[in-house]
Amino acid sequence: MNPTPRSDSPISRLGLGCMSMTGSYGHADPQEAAATLLEAADSGITLFDTGDFYGDGANEELLGRTLAPRRDQVVLATKTGVRRTPWPPSTCSSHAPTSTGSTRPSRKMGRTERGMATTAPA
């Protein structure tokens, strides 16, 4: 594990991508998603990847709620500024007015920015 540049939290070599946990690919079970997050954390995963457009913010809320007791032990990476068009067909755009290149993580994930990494669209 390596320390993050912004915190003392270690980053596991493997991370968990969480996009499918809130319905991006069809129905998602919130209890199963929470159990998966906790099992990953119990197995040594410390890096969790999300985006503010996954489930229209529901993904960040799920991670924030589920991982809150372990907040000092995990690193949450989020992508911001991308917006999906209504389905069908769904497209993504990083040219939406919300694409500001923000480096502040979404507040939906928790009360602190400690150890959070963010990426903005190029």
N, C-alpha and C. Protein backbone atom coordinates (compact mmCIF):
# COMPACT_ATOMS: atom_id res chain seq x y z
N MET A 1 0.84 -1.18 0.00
CA MET A 1 0.00 0.00 0.00
C MET A 1 0.88 1.24 0.00
N ASN A 2 0.38 2.28 -0.62
CA ASN A 2 1.09 3.54 -0.69
C ASN A 2 0.27 4.64 -0.03
N PRO A 3 0.93 5.60 0.66
CA PRO A 3 0.16 6.71 1.24
C PRO A 3 -0.32 7.64 0.13
N THR A 4 -1.44 8.30 0.37
CA THR A 4 -1.94 9.26 -0.60
C THR A 4 -1.21 10.58 -0.41
N PRO A 5 -1.14 11.40 -1.45
CA PRO A 5 -0.49 12.69 -1.30
C PRO A 5 -1.19 13.63 -0.32
N ARG A 6 -2.51 13.45 -0.11
CA ARG A 6 -3.27 14.39 0.71
C ARG A 6 -3.61 13.85 2.09
N SER A 7 -3.18 12.63 2.42
CA SER A 7 -3.52 12.08 3.73
C SER A 7 -2.54 10.98 4.09
N ASP A 8 -2.74 10.44 5.27
CA ASP A 8 -1.93 9.31 5.71
C ASP A 8 -2.61 7.99 5.40
N SER A 9 -3.79 8.03 4.79
CA SER A 9 -4.52 6.80 4.48
C SER A 9 -3.78 6.01 3.41
N PRO A 10 -3.59 4.73 3.64
CA PRO A 10 -2.93 3.91 2.62
C PRO A 10 -3.90 3.59 1.48
N ILE A 11 -3.35 3.43 0.29
CA ILE A 11 -4.15 3.06 -0.87
C ILE A 11 -3.82 1.62 -1.23
N SER A 12 -4.82 0.77 -1.30
CA SER A 12 -4.60 -0.62 -1.69
C SER A 12 -4.25 -0.68 -3.17
N ARG A 13 -3.53 -1.73 -3.56
CA ARG A 13 -3.16 -1.91 -4.97
C ARG A 13 -4.39 -2.15 -5.84
N LEU A 14 -5.42 -2.72 -5.26
CA LEU A 14 -6.69 -2.93 -5.95
C LEU A 14 -7.72 -1.97 -5.38
N GLY A 15 -8.59 -1.48 -6.24
CA GLY A 15 -9.68 -0.63 -5.80
C GLY A 15 -11.00 -1.24 -6.24
N LEU A 16 -12.07 -0.68 -5.77
CA LEU A 16 -13.40 -1.15 -6.15
C LEU A 16 -14.13 -0.06 -6.90
N GLY A 17 -14.48 -0.32 -8.16
CA GLY A 17 -15.31 0.58 -8.94
C GLY A 17 -16.76 0.36 -8.55
N CYS A 18 -17.46 1.41 -8.23
CA CYS A 18 -18.79 1.29 -7.62
C CYS A 18 -19.95 1.71 -8.53
N MET A 19 -19.69 1.97 -9.80
CA MET A 19 -20.72 2.49 -10.69
C MET A 19 -21.98 1.61 -10.74
N SER A 20 -21.82 0.30 -10.76
CA SER A 20 -22.97 -0.59 -10.92
C SER A 20 -23.80 -0.74 -9.65
N MET A 21 -23.36 -0.18 -8.56
CA MET A 21 -24.05 -0.38 -7.28
C MET A 21 -25.31 0.45 -7.11
N THR A 22 -25.57 1.38 -8.01
CA THR A 22 -26.78 2.21 -7.88
C THR A 22 -27.56 2.29 -9.19
N GLY A 23 -27.55 1.21 -9.94
CA GLY A 23 -28.44 1.11 -11.09
C GLY A 23 -27.93 1.61 -12.41
N SER A 24 -26.66 1.87 -12.57
CA SER A 24 -26.16 2.34 -13.85
C SER A 24 -26.30 1.29 -14.94
N TYR A 25 -26.34 0.01 -14.54
CA TYR A 25 -26.47 -1.08 -15.51
C TYR A 25 -27.75 -1.88 -15.31
N GLY A 26 -28.73 -1.30 -14.68
CA GLY A 26 -29.97 -2.00 -14.39
C GLY A 26 -30.24 -1.97 -12.89
N HIS A 27 -31.17 -2.82 -12.44
CA HIS A 27 -31.57 -2.84 -11.04
C HIS A 27 -30.37 -3.12 -10.13
N ALA A 28 -30.31 -2.42 -9.02
CA ALA A 28 -29.28 -2.64 -8.01
C ALA A 28 -29.94 -2.74 -6.64
N ASP A 29 -29.47 -3.67 -5.84
CA ASP A 29 -30.00 -3.88 -4.50
C ASP A 29 -29.13 -3.11 -3.50
N PRO A 30 -29.68 -2.10 -2.82
CA PRO A 30 -28.88 -1.29 -1.90
C PRO A 30 -28.24 -2.10 -0.76
N GLN A 31 -28.95 -3.09 -0.25
CA GLN A 31 -28.39 -3.91 0.83
C GLN A 31 -27.22 -4.76 0.32
N GLU A 32 -27.35 -5.31 -0.88
CA GLU A 32 -26.26 -6.09 -1.47
C GLU A 32 -25.07 -5.19 -1.78
N ALA A 33 -25.34 -3.99 -2.26
CA ALA A 33 -24.26 -3.04 -2.55
C ALA A 33 -23.51 -2.68 -1.27
N ALA A 34 -24.24 -2.40 -0.19
CA ALA A 34 -23.60 -2.06 1.08
C ALA A 34 -22.78 -3.24 1.60
N ALA A 35 -23.33 -4.45 1.48
CA ALA A 35 -22.60 -5.64 1.92
C ALA A 35 -21.32 -5.82 1.10
N THR A 36 -21.37 -5.54 -0.19
CA THR A 36 -20.20 -5.65 -1.05
C THR A 36 -19.13 -4.64 -0.63
N LEU A 37 -19.54 -3.41 -0.34
CA LEU A 37 -18.59 -2.39 0.11
C LEU A 37 -17.90 -2.81 1.41
N LEU A 38 -18.67 -3.31 2.34
CA LEU A 38 -18.10 -3.72 3.63
C LEU A 38 -17.20 -4.94 3.47
N GLU A 39 -17.59 -5.88 2.63
CA GLU A 39 -16.75 -7.07 2.38
C GLU A 39 -15.43 -6.65 1.73
N ALA A 40 -15.49 -5.71 0.79
CA ALA A 40 -14.26 -5.22 0.16
C ALA A 40 -13.36 -4.57 1.20
N ALA A 41 -13.92 -3.73 2.05
CA ALA A 41 -13.12 -3.07 3.09
C ALA A 41 -12.54 -4.09 4.06
N ASP A 42 -13.33 -5.09 4.43
CA ASP A 42 -12.83 -6.15 5.32
C ASP A 42 -11.72 -6.96 4.67
N SER A 43 -11.71 -7.01 3.34
CA SER A 43 -10.70 -7.78 2.60
C SER A 43 -9.45 -6.97 2.29
N GLY A 44 -9.40 -5.73 2.74
CA GLY A 44 -8.21 -4.92 2.55
C GLY A 44 -8.28 -3.87 1.45
N ILE A 45 -9.42 -3.77 0.77
CA ILE A 45 -9.59 -2.72 -0.24
C ILE A 45 -9.77 -1.40 0.49
N THR A 46 -8.99 -0.40 0.11
CA THR A 46 -9.12 0.92 0.74
C THR A 46 -9.49 2.00 -0.28
N LEU A 47 -9.44 1.69 -1.57
CA LEU A 47 -9.75 2.68 -2.62
C LEU A 47 -11.09 2.35 -3.25
N PHE A 48 -12.01 3.29 -3.19
CA PHE A 48 -13.35 3.13 -3.75
C PHE A 48 -13.58 4.24 -4.76
N ASP A 49 -13.95 3.86 -5.98
CA ASP A 49 -14.12 4.81 -7.08
C ASP A 49 -15.59 5.06 -7.36
N THR A 50 -15.97 6.32 -7.48
CA THR A 50 -17.34 6.71 -7.75
C THR A 50 -17.36 7.95 -8.65
N GLY A 51 -18.52 8.47 -8.89
CA GLY A 51 -18.69 9.70 -9.66
C GLY A 51 -20.00 10.35 -9.26
N ASP A 52 -20.05 11.65 -9.34
CA ASP A 52 -21.29 12.32 -8.93
C ASP A 52 -22.44 12.06 -9.89
N PHE A 53 -22.16 11.47 -11.04
CA PHE A 53 -23.21 11.15 -12.00
C PHE A 53 -23.63 9.69 -11.94
N TYR A 54 -23.00 8.87 -11.10
CA TYR A 54 -23.41 7.47 -10.92
C TYR A 54 -24.71 7.47 -10.11
N GLY A 55 -25.77 7.05 -10.74
CA GLY A 55 -27.06 7.04 -10.05
C GLY A 55 -27.52 8.43 -9.67
N ASP A 56 -27.07 9.44 -10.40
CA ASP A 56 -27.43 10.84 -10.14
C ASP A 56 -27.14 11.22 -8.70
N GLY A 57 -25.98 10.79 -8.20
CA GLY A 57 -25.56 11.13 -6.85
C GLY A 57 -25.83 10.04 -5.82
N ALA A 58 -26.69 9.08 -6.15
CA ALA A 58 -27.04 8.02 -5.20
C ALA A 58 -25.83 7.16 -4.84
N ASN A 59 -24.88 7.01 -5.78
CA ASN A 59 -23.69 6.20 -5.53
C ASN A 59 -22.83 6.83 -4.44
N GLU A 60 -22.61 8.12 -4.52
CA GLU A 60 -21.83 8.80 -3.48
C GLU A 60 -22.53 8.73 -2.14
N GLU A 61 -23.86 8.85 -2.14
CA GLU A 61 -24.61 8.75 -0.90
C GLU A 61 -24.46 7.36 -0.29
N LEU A 62 -24.53 6.31 -1.12
CA LEU A 62 -24.35 4.94 -0.65
C LEU A 62 -22.98 4.76 -0.02
N LEU A 63 -21.93 5.21 -0.70
CA LEU A 63 -20.58 5.08 -0.16
C LEU A 63 -20.42 5.87 1.14
N GLY A 64 -20.92 7.09 1.15
CA GLY A 64 -20.82 7.91 2.35
C GLY A 64 -21.50 7.29 3.55
N ARG A 65 -22.70 6.79 3.34
CA ARG A 65 -23.49 6.18 4.41
C ARG A 65 -22.84 4.88 4.90
N THR A 66 -22.43 4.03 3.95
CA THR A 66 -21.92 2.70 4.30
C THR A 66 -20.51 2.75 4.89
N LEU A 67 -19.67 3.61 4.35
CA LEU A 67 -18.28 3.64 4.78
C LEU A 67 -17.99 4.68 5.86
N ALA A 68 -19.01 5.39 6.33
CA ALA A 68 -18.81 6.44 7.34
C ALA A 68 -18.05 5.94 8.58
N PRO A 69 -18.37 4.76 9.12
CA PRO A 69 -17.63 4.30 10.30
C PRO A 69 -16.15 4.01 10.02
N ARG A 70 -15.80 3.85 8.75
CA ARG A 70 -14.42 3.53 8.37
C ARG A 70 -13.76 4.69 7.63
N ARG A 71 -14.33 5.88 7.74
CA ARG A 71 -13.88 7.02 6.94
C ARG A 71 -12.39 7.28 7.01
N ASP A 72 -11.78 7.04 8.16
CA ASP A 72 -10.35 7.28 8.29
C ASP A 72 -9.51 6.15 7.72
N GLN A 73 -10.15 5.08 7.23
CA GLN A 73 -9.43 3.92 6.74
C GLN A 73 -9.56 3.74 5.23
N VAL A 74 -10.36 4.57 4.58
CA VAL A 74 -10.60 4.40 3.14
C VAL A 74 -10.31 5.69 2.38
N VAL A 75 -10.09 5.54 1.09
CA VAL A 75 -9.90 6.67 0.19
C VAL A 75 -11.02 6.61 -0.84
N LEU A 76 -11.75 7.69 -1.00
CA LEU A 76 -12.83 7.76 -1.97
C LEU A 76 -12.38 8.64 -3.13
N ALA A 77 -12.43 8.09 -4.32
CA ALA A 77 -12.08 8.85 -5.52
C ALA A 77 -13.37 9.12 -6.28
N THR A 78 -13.59 10.36 -6.65
CA THR A 78 -14.81 10.70 -7.38
C THR A 78 -14.49 11.53 -8.61
N LYS A 79 -15.28 11.32 -9.63
CA LYS A 79 -15.18 12.11 -10.86
C LYS A 79 -16.35 13.09 -10.83
N THR A 80 -16.11 14.32 -11.28
CA THR A 80 -17.16 15.33 -11.24
C THR A 80 -17.32 16.00 -12.59
N GLY A 81 -18.45 16.65 -12.76
CA GLY A 81 -18.66 17.48 -13.95
C GLY A 81 -19.22 16.76 -15.14
N VAL A 82 -19.47 15.47 -15.05
CA VAL A 82 -20.03 14.71 -16.17
C VAL A 82 -21.53 14.58 -15.94
N ARG A 83 -22.32 14.76 -16.96
CA ARG A 83 -23.77 14.63 -16.85
C ARG A 83 -24.27 13.68 -17.91
N ARG A 84 -25.21 12.83 -17.52
CA ARG A 84 -25.84 11.88 -18.45
C ARG A 84 -27.12 12.49 -19.00
N THR A 85 -27.42 12.14 -20.24
CA THR A 85 -28.70 12.54 -20.82
C THR A 85 -29.72 11.48 -20.45
N PRO A 86 -31.00 11.79 -20.53
CA PRO A 86 -32.03 10.79 -20.20
C PRO A 86 -31.93 9.56 -21.09
N TRP A 87 -32.30 8.44 -20.57
CA TRP A 87 -32.26 7.16 -21.28
C TRP A 87 -33.55 7.00 -22.04
N PRO A 88 -33.63 6.40 -23.19
CA PRO A 88 -32.55 6.09 -24.10
C PRO A 88 -32.37 7.20 -25.12
N PRO A 89 -31.36 7.33 -25.87
CA PRO A 89 -30.08 6.71 -25.55
C PRO A 89 -29.34 7.58 -24.55
N SER A 90 -28.56 6.99 -23.71
CA SER A 90 -27.82 7.73 -22.69
C SER A 90 -26.44 8.11 -23.22
N THR A 91 -26.09 9.35 -23.04
CA THR A 91 -24.76 9.80 -23.41
C THR A 91 -24.19 10.59 -22.25
N CYS A 92 -22.90 10.73 -22.24
CA CYS A 92 -22.23 11.51 -21.20
C CYS A 92 -21.58 12.72 -21.83
N SER A 93 -21.57 13.80 -21.10
CA SER A 93 -20.93 15.01 -21.58
C SER A 93 -20.16 15.66 -20.46
N SER A 94 -18.91 16.02 -20.73
CA SER A 94 -18.15 16.77 -19.74
C SER A 94 -18.17 18.25 -20.09
N HIS A 95 -18.99 18.62 -21.05
CA HIS A 95 -19.09 20.02 -21.46
C HIS A 95 -20.32 20.70 -20.88
N ALA A 96 -20.98 20.02 -19.96
CA ALA A 96 -22.16 20.59 -19.32
C ALA A 96 -21.75 21.76 -18.44
N PRO A 97 -22.69 22.66 -18.12
CA PRO A 97 -22.37 23.80 -17.26
C PRO A 97 -21.78 23.40 -15.91
N THR A 98 -22.02 22.15 -15.47
CA THR A 98 -21.49 21.72 -14.18
C THR A 98 -20.02 21.35 -14.26
N SER A 99 -19.46 21.30 -15.45
CA SER A 99 -18.06 20.91 -15.61
C SER A 99 -17.16 22.09 -15.30
N THR A 100 -16.81 22.22 -14.03
CA THR A 100 -16.05 23.38 -13.59
C THR A 100 -14.60 23.05 -13.27
N GLY A 101 -14.24 21.76 -13.37
CA GLY A 101 -12.89 21.37 -12.99
C GLY A 101 -12.71 21.43 -11.47
N SER A 102 -13.77 21.26 -10.74
CA SER A 102 -13.74 21.34 -9.30
C SER A 102 -12.79 20.32 -8.70
N THR A 103 -12.07 20.71 -7.69
CA THR A 103 -11.24 19.76 -6.95
C THR A 103 -11.84 19.44 -5.60
N ARG A 104 -13.03 19.99 -5.31
CA ARG A 104 -13.71 19.67 -4.06
C ARG A 104 -14.56 18.43 -4.27
N PRO A 105 -14.41 17.44 -3.41
CA PRO A 105 -15.25 16.24 -3.55
C PRO A 105 -16.69 16.54 -3.19
N SER A 106 -17.57 15.70 -3.67
CA SER A 106 -18.98 15.88 -3.39
C SER A 106 -19.25 15.76 -1.90
N ARG A 107 -20.11 16.60 -1.39
CA ARG A 107 -20.47 16.54 0.02
C ARG A 107 -21.36 15.35 0.32
N LYS A 108 -21.89 14.70 -0.71
CA LYS A 108 -22.76 13.55 -0.49
C LYS A 108 -22.02 12.37 0.11
N MET A 109 -20.70 12.34 -0.02
CA MET A 109 -19.93 11.20 0.47
C MET A 109 -19.57 11.32 1.94
N GLY A 110 -19.68 12.47 2.52
CA GLY A 110 -19.33 12.57 3.92
C GLY A 110 -19.04 13.99 4.33
N ARG A 111 -18.67 14.14 5.57
CA ARG A 111 -18.48 15.46 6.15
C ARG A 111 -17.05 15.96 6.05
N THR A 112 -16.16 15.17 5.52
CA THR A 112 -14.76 15.55 5.52
C THR A 112 -14.13 15.32 4.16
N GLU A 113 -13.11 16.08 3.86
CA GLU A 113 -12.37 15.89 2.63
C GLU A 113 -11.10 15.10 2.87
N ARG A 114 -10.87 14.64 4.09
CA ARG A 114 -9.65 13.93 4.43
C ARG A 114 -9.48 12.70 3.53
N GLY A 115 -8.38 12.64 2.84
CA GLY A 115 -8.06 11.46 2.06
C GLY A 115 -8.84 11.30 0.78
N MET A 116 -9.58 12.31 0.37
CA MET A 116 -10.38 12.16 -0.82
C MET A 116 -9.60 12.65 -2.04
N ALA A 117 -9.67 11.89 -3.09
CA ALA A 117 -9.04 12.28 -4.34
C ALA A 117 -10.14 12.58 -5.34
N THR A 118 -9.94 13.59 -6.16
CA THR A 118 -10.94 13.91 -7.16
C THR A 118 -10.29 14.05 -8.51
N THR A 119 -11.06 13.80 -9.54
CA THR A 119 -10.59 14.04 -10.90
C THR A 119 -11.65 14.84 -11.61
N ALA A 120 -11.24 15.69 -12.50
CA ALA A 120 -12.17 16.48 -13.28
C ALA A 120 -11.98 16.13 -14.74
N PRO A 121 -13.01 16.27 -15.56
CA PRO A 121 -12.88 15.96 -16.99
C PRO A 121 -11.82 16.83 -17.65
N ALA A 122 -11.16 16.26 -18.62
CA ALA A 122 -10.13 17.00 -19.35
C ALA A 122 -10.74 17.94 -20.35
